[in-house]
């Protein structure tokens, strides 16, 4: 079975969303689902311990190659998610995607187009995209 396209998922969300059809409801549920993703990641660190956070200053040296700079820039994450934490975080991300799709539906925005435009922007701006 192949994965559904963003448009198919967006259509499915439109059919399923009954209770929270108000823009304000969807906005608040989207924020709540985002907070739940953050909380699930924090719990993977603080309760399960399958991953650890070792944050420190990111040092970027002038004149270093792009590949070396990527190597030096760490994620601050050590370890790997256990199966349970991966499932919980994946579920929370799915809920966040659901409400993002609902928000797109209410505002008449096509998620496929959003992804295409963002990909084009990333290709054009490259490393300067989010700096």
C-alpha atoms as a PDB file:
ATOM      1  CA  UNK A   1       0.000   0.000   0.000  1.00  0.00           C
ATOM      2  CA  UNK A   2       1.468   3.339  -0.985  1.00  0.00           C
ATOM      3  CA  UNK A   3       1.436   6.374   1.264  1.00  0.00           C
ATOM      4  CA  UNK A   4      -1.359   8.849   0.596  1.00  0.00           C
ATOM      5  CA  UNK A   5      -0.468  12.138  -1.054  1.00  0.00           C
ATOM      6  CA  UNK A   6      -0.765  15.320   0.950  1.00  0.00           C
ATOM      7  CA  UNK A   7      -3.873  16.179  -1.057  1.00  0.00           C
ATOM      8  CA  UNK A   8      -5.488  12.813  -0.278  1.00  0.00           C
ATOM      9  CA  UNK A   9      -4.689  13.292   3.401  1.00  0.00           C
ATOM     10  CA  UNK A  10      -6.031  16.834   3.297  1.00  0.00           C
ATOM     11  CA  UNK A  11      -9.271  15.558   1.715  1.00  0.00           C
ATOM     12  CA  UNK A  12      -9.550  12.845   4.361  1.00  0.00           C
ATOM     13  CA  UNK A  13      -9.108  15.398   7.172  1.00  0.00           C
ATOM     14  CA  UNK A  14     -11.806  17.568   5.609  1.00  0.00           C
ATOM     15  CA  UNK A  15     -14.229  14.638   5.697  1.00  0.00           C
ATOM     16  CA  UNK A  16     -13.357  13.655   9.274  1.00  0.00           C
ATOM     17  CA  UNK A  17     -13.199  17.023  10.990  1.00  0.00           C
ATOM     18  CA  UNK A  18     -16.596  17.526  12.605  1.00  0.00           C
ATOM     19  CA  UNK A  19     -16.174  18.934  16.079  1.00  0.00           C
ATOM     20  CA  UNK A  20     -13.463  21.513  15.518  1.00  0.00           C
ATOM     21  CA  UNK A  21     -14.485  23.205  12.276  1.00  0.00           C
ATOM     22  CA  UNK A  22     -14.097  26.741  13.614  1.00  0.00           C
ATOM     23  CA  UNK A  23     -10.872  28.478  12.620  1.00  0.00           C
ATOM     24  CA  UNK A  24     -10.313  29.433  16.262  1.00  0.00           C
ATOM     25  CA  UNK A  25     -10.781  25.835  17.389  1.00  0.00           C
ATOM     26  CA  UNK A  26      -8.365  24.560  14.755  1.00  0.00           C
ATOM     27  CA  UNK A  27      -5.781  27.206  15.629  1.00  0.00           C
ATOM     28  CA  UNK A  28      -5.923  26.289  19.307  1.00  0.00           C
ATOM     29  CA  UNK A  29      -5.824  22.544  18.581  1.00  0.00           C
ATOM     30  CA  UNK A  30      -2.853  23.076  16.245  1.00  0.00           C
ATOM     31  CA  UNK A  31      -0.984  24.906  19.010  1.00  0.00           C
ATOM     32  CA  UNK A  32      -1.935  22.233  21.521  1.00  0.00           C
ATOM     33  CA  UNK A  33      -0.711  19.451  19.235  1.00  0.00           C
ATOM     34  CA  UNK A  34       2.589  21.273  18.720  1.00  0.00           C
ATOM     35  CA  UNK A  35       3.021  21.523  22.488  1.00  0.00           C
ATOM     36  CA  UNK A  36       2.279  17.788  22.756  1.00  0.00           C
ATOM     37  CA  UNK A  37       5.080  17.004  20.299  1.00  0.00           C
ATOM     38  CA  UNK A  38       7.472  19.101  22.375  1.00  0.00           C
ATOM     39  CA  UNK A  39       6.329  17.402  25.572  1.00  0.00           C
ATOM     40  CA  UNK A  40       6.780  13.915  24.094  1.00  0.00           C
ATOM     41  CA  UNK A  41      10.362  14.746  23.095  1.00  0.00           C
ATOM     42  CA  UNK A  42      11.070  16.156  26.562  1.00  0.00           C
ATOM     43  CA  UNK A  43       9.665  12.981  28.155  1.00  0.00           C
ATOM     44  CA  UNK A  44      11.944  10.861  25.947  1.00  0.00           C
ATOM     45  CA  UNK A  45      14.837  12.724  27.560  1.00  0.00           C
ATOM     46  CA  UNK A  46      13.651  13.181  31.146  1.00  0.00           C
ATOM     47  CA  UNK A  47      11.516  10.106  31.809  1.00  0.00           C
ATOM     48  CA  UNK A  48      12.661   7.383  29.423  1.00  0.00           C
ATOM     49  CA  UNK A  49      16.239   8.518  28.908  1.00  0.00           C
ATOM     50  CA  UNK A  50      16.568   6.855  25.512  1.00  0.00           C
ATOM     51  CA  UNK A  51      17.970  10.127  24.178  1.00  0.00           C
ATOM     52  CA  UNK A  52      20.049  12.737  25.939  1.00  0.00           C
ATOM     53  CA  UNK A  53      20.413  16.432  25.318  1.00  0.00           C
ATOM     54  CA  UNK A  54      23.932  17.858  25.470  1.00  0.00           C
ATOM     55  CA  UNK A  55      23.538  21.463  24.409  1.00  0.00           C
ATOM     56  CA  UNK A  56      26.438  23.819  24.024  1.00  0.00           C
ATOM     57  CA  UNK A  57      27.354  26.792  21.901  1.00  0.00           C
ATOM     58  CA  UNK A  58      27.501  26.072  18.186  1.00  0.00           C
ATOM     59  CA  UNK A  59      30.899  27.232  16.959  1.00  0.00           C
ATOM     60  CA  UNK A  60      31.282  28.133  13.299  1.00  0.00           C
ATOM     61  CA  UNK A  61      34.814  28.815  12.171  1.00  0.00           C
ATOM     62  CA  UNK A  62      35.451  31.229   9.330  1.00  0.00           C
ATOM     63  CA  UNK A  63      36.897  29.740   6.168  1.00  0.00           C
ATOM     64  CA  UNK A  64      35.805  26.173   6.899  1.00  0.00           C
ATOM     65  CA  UNK A  65      34.257  24.130   4.098  1.00  0.00           C
ATOM     66  CA  UNK A  66      30.501  23.604   4.084  1.00  0.00           C
ATOM     67  CA  UNK A  67      30.885  19.886   4.786  1.00  0.00           C
ATOM     68  CA  UNK A  68      33.200  20.543   7.731  1.00  0.00           C
ATOM     69  CA  UNK A  69      30.790  23.179   9.101  1.00  0.00           C
ATOM     70  CA  UNK A  70      27.918  20.655   8.907  1.00  0.00           C
ATOM     71  CA  UNK A  71      30.100  18.114  10.680  1.00  0.00           C
ATOM     72  CA  UNK A  72      30.928  20.573  13.458  1.00  0.00           C
ATOM     73  CA  UNK A  73      27.332  21.737  13.957  1.00  0.00           C
ATOM     74  CA  UNK A  74      25.830  19.159  16.246  1.00  0.00           C
ATOM     75  CA  UNK A  75      22.224  18.299  16.946  1.00  0.00           C
ATOM     76  CA  UNK A  76      22.851  18.180  20.698  1.00  0.00           C
ATOM     77  CA  UNK A  77      21.055  14.807  20.714  1.00  0.00           C
ATOM     78  CA  UNK A  78      22.833  11.674  21.848  1.00  0.00           C
ATOM     79  CA  UNK A  79      21.306   8.231  21.601  1.00  0.00           C
ATOM     80  CA  UNK A  80      18.330   6.993  19.629  1.00  0.00           C
ATOM     81  CA  UNK A  81      14.640   6.963  20.385  1.00  0.00           C
ATOM     82  CA  UNK A  82      13.400   3.686  21.791  1.00  0.00           C
ATOM     83  CA  UNK A  83      10.502   2.010  20.015  1.00  0.00           C
ATOM     84  CA  UNK A  84       7.941   3.332  22.517  1.00  0.00           C
ATOM     85  CA  UNK A  85       9.140   6.956  22.363  1.00  0.00           C
ATOM     86  CA  UNK A  86       9.371   6.799  18.561  1.00  0.00           C
ATOM     87  CA  UNK A  87       5.748   5.609  18.447  1.00  0.00           C
ATOM     88  CA  UNK A  88       4.522   8.290  20.883  1.00  0.00           C
ATOM     89  CA  UNK A  89       6.348  11.133  19.125  1.00  0.00           C
ATOM     90  CA  UNK A  90       5.247   9.855  15.718  1.00  0.00           C
ATOM     91  CA  UNK A  91       1.646   9.786  16.919  1.00  0.00           C
ATOM     92  CA  UNK A  92       1.895  13.343  18.232  1.00  0.00           C
ATOM     93  CA  UNK A  93       3.445  14.489  14.939  1.00  0.00           C
ATOM     94  CA  UNK A  94       0.559  12.823  13.112  1.00  0.00           C
ATOM     95  CA  UNK A  95      -1.957  14.744  15.211  1.00  0.00           C
ATOM     96  CA  UNK A  96      -0.049  17.959  14.499  1.00  0.00           C
ATOM     97  CA  UNK A  97      -0.150  17.175  10.780  1.00  0.00           C
ATOM     98  CA  UNK A  98      -3.901  16.544  11.066  1.00  0.00           C
ATOM     99  CA  UNK A  99      -4.565  20.003  12.496  1.00  0.00           C
ATOM    100  CA  UNK A 100      -2.148  21.642  10.073  1.00  0.00           C
ATOM    101  CA  UNK A 101      -4.138  20.034   7.281  1.00  0.00           C
ATOM    102  CA  UNK A 102      -7.402  21.201   8.852  1.00  0.00           C
ATOM    103  CA  UNK A 103      -6.020  24.744   9.018  1.00  0.00           C
ATOM    104  CA  UNK A 104      -5.055  24.559   5.356  1.00  0.00           C
ATOM    105  CA  UNK A 105      -8.552  23.331   4.484  1.00  0.00           C
ATOM    106  CA  UNK A 106     -10.261  26.165   6.347  1.00  0.00           C
ATOM    107  CA  UNK A 107      -8.045  28.762   4.670  1.00  0.00           C
ATOM    108  CA  UNK A 108      -8.193  27.234   1.179  1.00  0.00           C
ATOM    109  CA  UNK A 109      -4.480  26.369   1.089  1.00  0.00           C
ATOM    110  CA  UNK A 110      -3.242  23.278  -0.736  1.00  0.00           C
ATOM    111  CA  UNK A 111      -0.562  21.450   1.275  1.00  0.00           C
ATOM    112  CA  UNK A 112       1.079  20.047  -1.864  1.00  0.00           C
ATOM    113  CA  UNK A 113       1.551  23.599  -3.144  1.00  0.00           C
ATOM    114  CA  UNK A 114       2.997  24.696   0.205  1.00  0.00           C
ATOM    115  CA  UNK A 115       5.565  21.884   0.054  1.00  0.00           C
ATOM    116  CA  UNK A 116       6.467  22.670  -3.563  1.00  0.00           C
ATOM    117  CA  UNK A 117       6.920  26.391  -2.822  1.00  0.00           C
ATOM    118  CA  UNK A 118       8.972  25.715   0.301  1.00  0.00           C
ATOM    119  CA  UNK A 119      11.144  23.243  -1.600  1.00  0.00           C
ATOM    120  CA  UNK A 120      11.713  25.804  -4.344  1.00  0.00           C
ATOM    121  CA  UNK A 121      12.610  28.408  -1.728  1.00  0.00           C
ATOM    122  CA  UNK A 122      15.074  25.994  -0.105  1.00  0.00           C
ATOM    123  CA  UNK A 123      16.631  25.226  -3.483  1.00  0.00           C
ATOM    124  CA  UNK A 124      16.946  28.923  -4.315  1.00  0.00           C
ATOM    125  CA  UNK A 125      18.171  30.204  -0.970  1.00  0.00           C
ATOM    126  CA  UNK A 126      20.155  27.132   0.024  1.00  0.00           C
ATOM    127  CA  UNK A 127      21.972  27.640   3.297  1.00  0.00           C
ATOM    128  CA  UNK A 128      20.602  31.152   3.706  1.00  0.00           C
ATOM    129  CA  UNK A 129      17.011  29.891   3.861  1.00  0.00           C
ATOM    130  CA  UNK A 130      16.592  29.897   7.625  1.00  0.00           C
ATOM    131  CA  UNK A 131      19.510  31.974   8.822  1.00  0.00           C
END
